[in-house]
């Protein structure tokens, strides 16, 4: 299930308050500033820093460009 992309316009990273990018392939939200990925469970973003996964350098570079 995909998240409503209009929702991504109002969501922010809970740590840095920066803009999040939507990863359609893995259904998650990306914060390039903190190098974190937030999962989406049952169409609801889980914006808990403790549950975020770290991005690799390659993943982070992919989303910065």
PDB file of N, CA and C in Angstrom:
ATOM      1  N   UNK A   1       0.834  -1.186   0.000  1.00  0.00           N
ATOM      2  CA  UNK A   1       0.000   0.000   0.000  1.00  0.00           C
ATOM      3  C   UNK A   1       0.876   1.245   0.000  1.00  0.00           C
ATOM      4  N   UNK A   2       0.543   2.206  -0.797  1.00  0.00           N
ATOM      5  CA  UNK A   2       1.312   3.439  -0.885  1.00  0.00           C
ATOM      6  C   UNK A   2       0.665   4.526  -0.031  1.00  0.00           C
ATOM      7  N   UNK A   3       1.496   5.382   0.470  1.00  0.00           N
ATOM      8  CA  UNK A   3       1.019   6.501   1.280  1.00  0.00           C
ATOM      9  C   UNK A   3       0.571   7.638   0.352  1.00  0.00           C
ATOM     10  N   UNK A   4      -0.353   8.429   0.801  1.00  0.00           N
ATOM     11  CA  UNK A   4      -0.809   9.593   0.048  1.00  0.00           C
ATOM     12  C   UNK A   4       0.359  10.586  -0.042  1.00  0.00           C
ATOM     13  N   UNK A   5       0.788  10.887  -1.246  1.00  0.00           N
ATOM     14  CA  UNK A   5       1.955  11.756  -1.416  1.00  0.00           C
ATOM     15  C   UNK A   5       1.696  13.181  -0.938  1.00  0.00           C
ATOM     16  N   UNK A   6       0.462  13.608  -0.869  1.00  0.00           N
ATOM     17  CA  UNK A   6       0.159  14.942  -0.331  1.00  0.00           C
ATOM     18  C   UNK A   6       0.526  15.011   1.148  1.00  0.00           C
ATOM     19  N   UNK A   7       0.471  13.880   1.809  1.00  0.00           N
ATOM     20  CA  UNK A   7       0.837  13.816   3.222  1.00  0.00           C
ATOM     21  C   UNK A   7       2.324  14.127   3.430  1.00  0.00           C
ATOM     22  N   UNK A   8       3.146  13.745   2.479  1.00  0.00           N
ATOM     23  CA  UNK A   8       4.583  13.991   2.623  1.00  0.00           C
ATOM     24  C   UNK A   8       4.919  15.483   2.617  1.00  0.00           C
ATOM     25  N   UNK A   9       4.042  16.307   2.092  1.00  0.00           N
ATOM     26  CA  UNK A   9       4.281  17.753   2.085  1.00  0.00           C
ATOM     27  C   UNK A   9       4.188  18.369   3.476  1.00  0.00           C
ATOM     28  N   UNK A  10       3.448  17.727   4.369  1.00  0.00           N
ATOM     29  CA  UNK A  10       3.270  18.300   5.702  1.00  0.00           C
ATOM     30  C   UNK A  10       4.034  17.549   6.788  1.00  0.00           C
ATOM     31  N   UNK A  11       4.591  16.396   6.453  1.00  0.00           N
ATOM     32  CA  UNK A  11       5.360  15.632   7.437  1.00  0.00           C
ATOM     33  C   UNK A  11       6.790  16.156   7.537  1.00  0.00           C
ATOM     34  N   UNK A  12       7.358  16.032   8.733  1.00  0.00           N
ATOM     35  CA  UNK A  12       8.739  16.460   8.948  1.00  0.00           C
ATOM     36  C   UNK A  12       9.447  15.414   9.802  1.00  0.00           C
ATOM     37  N   UNK A  13      10.746  15.381   9.693  1.00  0.00           N
ATOM     38  CA  UNK A  13      11.557  14.488  10.507  1.00  0.00           C
ATOM     39  C   UNK A  13      11.397  14.895  11.977  1.00  0.00           C
ATOM     40  N   UNK A  14      11.154  13.949  12.866  1.00  0.00           N
ATOM     41  CA  UNK A  14      10.977  14.299  14.274  1.00  0.00           C
ATOM     42  C   UNK A  14      12.258  14.788  14.948  1.00  0.00           C
ATOM     43  N   UNK A  15      13.404  14.499  14.367  1.00  0.00           N
ATOM     44  CA  UNK A  15      14.667  14.937  14.960  1.00  0.00           C
ATOM     45  C   UNK A  15      15.095  16.325  14.494  1.00  0.00           C
ATOM     46  N   UNK A  16      15.193  16.504  13.185  1.00  0.00           N
ATOM     47  CA  UNK A  16      15.723  17.775  12.660  1.00  0.00           C
ATOM     48  C   UNK A  16      14.637  18.694  12.103  1.00  0.00           C
ATOM     49  N   UNK A  17      13.417  18.198  12.027  1.00  0.00           N
ATOM     50  CA  UNK A  17      12.271  18.940  11.480  1.00  0.00           C
ATOM     51  C   UNK A  17      12.409  19.222   9.987  1.00  0.00           C
ATOM     52  N   UNK A  18      13.303  18.485   9.330  1.00  0.00           N
ATOM     53  CA  UNK A  18      13.517  18.652   7.897  1.00  0.00           C
ATOM     54  C   UNK A  18      12.499  17.906   7.067  1.00  0.00           C
ATOM     55  N   UNK A  19      12.494  18.188   5.784  1.00  0.00           N
ATOM     56  CA  UNK A  19      11.565  17.568   4.840  1.00  0.00           C
ATOM     57  C   UNK A  19      11.914  16.098   4.646  1.00  0.00           C
ATOM     58  N   UNK A  20      10.892  15.278   4.521  1.00  0.00           N
ATOM     59  CA  UNK A  20      11.065  13.854   4.283  1.00  0.00           C
ATOM     60  C   UNK A  20      10.761  13.535   2.828  1.00  0.00           C
ATOM     61  N   UNK A  21      11.466  12.557   2.290  1.00  0.00           N
ATOM     62  CA  UNK A  21      11.240  12.111   0.922  1.00  0.00           C
ATOM     63  C   UNK A  21      10.618  10.717   0.972  1.00  0.00           C
ATOM     64  N   UNK A  22       9.713  10.459   0.046  1.00  0.00           N
ATOM     65  CA  UNK A  22       9.000   9.187   0.022  1.00  0.00           C
ATOM     66  C   UNK A  22       9.705   8.192  -0.886  1.00  0.00           C
ATOM     67  N   UNK A  23      10.044   7.053  -0.344  1.00  0.00           N
ATOM     68  CA  UNK A  23      10.659   5.953  -1.085  1.00  0.00           C
ATOM     69  C   UNK A  23       9.541   4.969  -1.454  1.00  0.00           C
ATOM     70  N   UNK A  24       9.081   5.044  -2.694  1.00  0.00           N
ATOM     71  CA  UNK A  24       7.975   4.198  -3.143  1.00  0.00           C
ATOM     72  C   UNK A  24       8.360   2.727  -3.184  1.00  0.00           C
ATOM     73  N   UNK A  25       9.601   2.439  -3.543  1.00  0.00           N
ATOM     74  CA  UNK A  25      10.045   1.053  -3.678  1.00  0.00           C
ATOM     75  C   UNK A  25       9.989   0.295  -2.353  1.00  0.00           C
ATOM     76  N   UNK A  26      10.411   0.950  -1.275  1.00  0.00           N
ATOM     77  CA  UNK A  26      10.460   0.273   0.020  1.00  0.00           C
ATOM     78  C   UNK A  26       9.409   0.802   0.998  1.00  0.00           C
ATOM     79  N   UNK A  27       8.530   1.665   0.514  1.00  0.00           N
ATOM     80  CA  UNK A  27       7.436   2.226   1.308  1.00  0.00           C
ATOM     81  C   UNK A  27       7.924   2.754   2.657  1.00  0.00           C
ATOM     82  N   UNK A  28       8.764   3.773   2.578  1.00  0.00           N
ATOM     83  CA  UNK A  28       9.316   4.391   3.776  1.00  0.00           C
ATOM     84  C   UNK A  28       9.583   5.861   3.507  1.00  0.00           C
ATOM     85  N   UNK A  29       9.817   6.620   4.562  1.00  0.00           N
ATOM     86  CA  UNK A  29      10.138   8.036   4.446  1.00  0.00           C
ATOM     87  C   UNK A  29      11.607   8.229   4.790  1.00  0.00           C
ATOM     88  N   UNK A  30      12.279   9.071   4.011  1.00  0.00           N
ATOM     89  CA  UNK A  30      13.725   9.258   4.126  1.00  0.00           C
ATOM     90  C   UNK A  30      14.054  10.659   4.612  1.00  0.00           C
ATOM     91  N   UNK A  31      14.953  10.737   5.597  1.00  0.00           N
ATOM     92  CA  UNK A  31      15.519  12.013   6.030  1.00  0.00           C
ATOM     93  C   UNK A  31      17.006  11.966   5.688  1.00  0.00           C
ATOM     94  N   UNK A  32      17.413  12.738   4.693  1.00  0.00           N
ATOM     95  CA  UNK A  32      18.812  12.712   4.286  1.00  0.00           C
ATOM     96  C   UNK A  32      19.704  13.454   5.278  1.00  0.00           C
ATOM     97  N   UNK A  33      19.166  14.432   5.981  1.00  0.00           N
ATOM     98  CA  UNK A  33      19.971  15.193   6.943  1.00  0.00           C
ATOM     99  C   UNK A  33      20.432  14.305   8.098  1.00  0.00           C
ATOM    100  N   UNK A  34      19.533  13.462   8.595  1.00  0.00           N
ATOM    101  CA  UNK A  34      19.874  12.574   9.707  1.00  0.00           C
ATOM    102  C   UNK A  34      20.268  11.179   9.258  1.00  0.00           C
ATOM    103  N   UNK A  35      20.152  10.931   7.956  1.00  0.00           N
ATOM    104  CA  UNK A  35      20.487   9.635   7.362  1.00  0.00           C
ATOM    105  C   UNK A  35      19.653   8.516   7.970  1.00  0.00           C
ATOM    106  N   UNK A  36      18.337   8.766   8.049  1.00  0.00           N
ATOM    107  CA  UNK A  36      17.411   7.808   8.638  1.00  0.00           C
ATOM    108  C   UNK A  36      16.251   7.502   7.694  1.00  0.00           C
ATOM    109  N   UNK A  37      15.701   6.311   7.856  1.00  0.00           N
ATOM    110  CA  UNK A  37      14.503   5.898   7.121  1.00  0.00           C
ATOM    111  C   UNK A  37      13.436   5.518   8.138  1.00  0.00           C
ATOM    112  N   UNK A  38      12.241   6.050   7.931  1.00  0.00           N
ATOM    113  CA  UNK A  38      11.107   5.759   8.803  1.00  0.00           C
ATOM    114  C   UNK A  38      10.138   4.860   8.050  1.00  0.00           C
ATOM    115  N   UNK A  39       9.763   3.759   8.666  1.00  0.00           N
ATOM    116  CA  UNK A  39       8.861   2.809   8.008  1.00  0.00           C
ATOM    117  C   UNK A  39       7.432   3.356   7.989  1.00  0.00           C
ATOM    118  N   UNK A  40       6.644   2.775   7.104  1.00  0.00           N
ATOM    119  CA  UNK A  40       5.221   3.091   7.017  1.00  0.00           C
ATOM    120  C   UNK A  40       4.484   1.787   7.268  1.00  0.00           C
ATOM    121  N   UNK A  41       3.662   1.770   8.298  1.00  0.00           N
ATOM    122  CA  UNK A  41       2.943   0.570   8.687  1.00  0.00           C
ATOM    123  C   UNK A  41       1.440   0.786   8.511  1.00  0.00           C
ATOM    124  N   UNK A  42       0.823  -0.043   7.692  1.00  0.00           N
ATOM    125  CA  UNK A  42      -0.601   0.040   7.401  1.00  0.00           C
ATOM    126  C   UNK A  42      -1.007   1.460   6.972  1.00  0.00           C
ATOM    127  N   UNK A  43      -0.179   2.035   6.116  1.00  0.00           N
ATOM    128  CA  UNK A  43      -0.410   3.368   5.549  1.00  0.00           C
ATOM    129  C   UNK A  43      -0.229   4.507   6.554  1.00  0.00           C
ATOM    130  N   UNK A  44       0.389   4.224   7.694  1.00  0.00           N
ATOM    131  CA  UNK A  44       0.627   5.239   8.717  1.00  0.00           C
ATOM    132  C   UNK A  44       2.128   5.369   8.940  1.00  0.00           C
ATOM    133  N   UNK A  45       2.701   6.565   8.750  1.00  0.00           N
ATOM    134  CA  UNK A  45       4.134   6.756   8.992  1.00  0.00           C
ATOM    135  C   UNK A  45       4.465   6.577  10.478  1.00  0.00           C
ATOM    136  N   UNK A  46       5.500   5.807  10.742  1.00  0.00           N
ATOM    137  CA  UNK A  46       5.963   5.594  12.114  1.00  0.00           C
ATOM    138  C   UNK A  46       7.160   6.522  12.318  1.00  0.00           C
ATOM    139  N   UNK A  47       6.896   7.725  12.801  1.00  0.00           N
ATOM    140  CA  UNK A  47       7.931   8.745  12.931  1.00  0.00           C
ATOM    141  C   UNK A  47       8.525   8.747  14.339  1.00  0.00           C
ATOM    142  N   UNK A  48       9.020   7.601  14.733  1.00  0.00           N
ATOM    143  CA  UNK A  48       9.683   7.457  16.019  1.00  0.00           C
ATOM    144  C   UNK A  48      11.172   7.242  15.766  1.00  0.00           C
ATOM    145  N   UNK A  49      11.993   8.129  16.317  1.00  0.00           N
ATOM    146  CA  UNK A  49      13.430   8.048  16.070  1.00  0.00           C
ATOM    147  C   UNK A  49      14.007   6.712  16.525  1.00  0.00           C
ATOM    148  N   UNK A  50      13.472   6.149  17.586  1.00  0.00           N
ATOM    149  CA  UNK A  50      13.967   4.869  18.087  1.00  0.00           C
ATOM    150  C   UNK A  50      13.694   3.710  17.134  1.00  0.00           C
ATOM    151  N   UNK A  51      12.718   3.860  16.283  1.00  0.00           N
ATOM    152  CA  UNK A  51      12.368   2.797  15.339  1.00  0.00           C
ATOM    153  C   UNK A  51      12.881   3.055  13.920  1.00  0.00           C
ATOM    154  N   UNK A  52      13.547   4.168  13.714  1.00  0.00           N
ATOM    155  CA  UNK A  52      14.098   4.481  12.395  1.00  0.00           C
ATOM    156  C   UNK A  52      15.314   3.607  12.123  1.00  0.00           C
ATOM    157  N   UNK A  53      15.570   3.381  10.845  1.00  0.00           N
ATOM    158  CA  UNK A  53      16.756   2.611  10.461  1.00  0.00           C
ATOM    159  C   UNK A  53      17.753   3.549   9.791  1.00  0.00           C
ATOM    160  N   UNK A  54      19.017   3.286  10.036  1.00  0.00           N
ATOM    161  CA  UNK A  54      20.073   4.121   9.465  1.00  0.00           C
ATOM    162  C   UNK A  54      20.241   3.818   7.983  1.00  0.00           C
ATOM    163  N   UNK A  55      20.502   4.866   7.217  1.00  0.00           N
ATOM    164  CA  UNK A  55      20.759   4.711   5.792  1.00  0.00           C
ATOM    165  C   UNK A  55      22.254   4.487   5.559  1.00  0.00           C
ATOM    166  N   UNK A  56      22.581   3.683   4.581  1.00  0.00           N
ATOM    167  CA  UNK A  56      23.974   3.526   4.193  1.00  0.00           C
ATOM    168  C   UNK A  56      24.408   4.778   3.437  1.00  0.00           C
ATOM    169  N   UNK A  57      25.682   4.937   3.253  1.00  0.00           N
ATOM    170  CA  UNK A  57      26.198   6.087   2.502  1.00  0.00           C
ATOM    171  C   UNK A  57      25.643   6.110   1.087  1.00  0.00           C
ATOM    172  N   UNK A  58      25.566   4.944   0.461  1.00  0.00           N
ATOM    173  CA  UNK A  58      25.049   4.859  -0.906  1.00  0.00           C
ATOM    174  C   UNK A  58      23.577   5.250  -0.980  1.00  0.00           C
ATOM    175  N   UNK A  59      22.791   4.777  -0.021  1.00  0.00           N
ATOM    176  CA  UNK A  59      21.367   5.126   0.006  1.00  0.00           C
ATOM    177  C   UNK A  59      21.187   6.624   0.208  1.00  0.00           C
ATOM    178  N   UNK A  60      21.965   7.174   1.093  1.00  0.00           N
ATOM    179  CA  UNK A  60      21.860   8.603   1.378  1.00  0.00           C
ATOM    180  C   UNK A  60      22.201   9.446   0.146  1.00  0.00           C
ATOM    181  N   UNK A  61      23.249   9.066  -0.555  1.00  0.00           N
ATOM    182  CA  UNK A  61      23.630   9.804  -1.766  1.00  0.00           C
ATOM    183  C   UNK A  61      22.562   9.701  -2.840  1.00  0.00           C
ATOM    184  N   UNK A  62      21.924   8.552  -2.940  1.00  0.00           N
ATOM    185  CA  UNK A  62      20.849   8.361  -3.924  1.00  0.00           C
ATOM    186  C   UNK A  62      19.720   9.365  -3.679  1.00  0.00           C
ATOM    187  N   UNK A  63      19.374   9.592  -2.418  1.00  0.00           N
ATOM    188  CA  UNK A  63      18.249  10.459  -2.091  1.00  0.00           C
ATOM    189  C   UNK A  63      18.621  11.936  -2.060  1.00  0.00           C
ATOM    190  N   UNK A  64      19.899  12.251  -1.982  1.00  0.00           N
ATOM    191  CA  UNK A  64      20.298  13.672  -1.987  1.00  0.00           C
ATOM    192  C   UNK A  64      20.259  14.253  -3.397  1.00  0.00           C
ATOM    193  N   UNK A  65      20.410  13.409  -4.361  1.00  0.00           N
ATOM    194  CA  UNK A  65      20.438  13.925  -5.749  1.00  0.00           C
ATOM    195  C   UNK A  65      19.074  14.011  -6.360  1.00  0.00           C
TER     196      UNK A  65
END
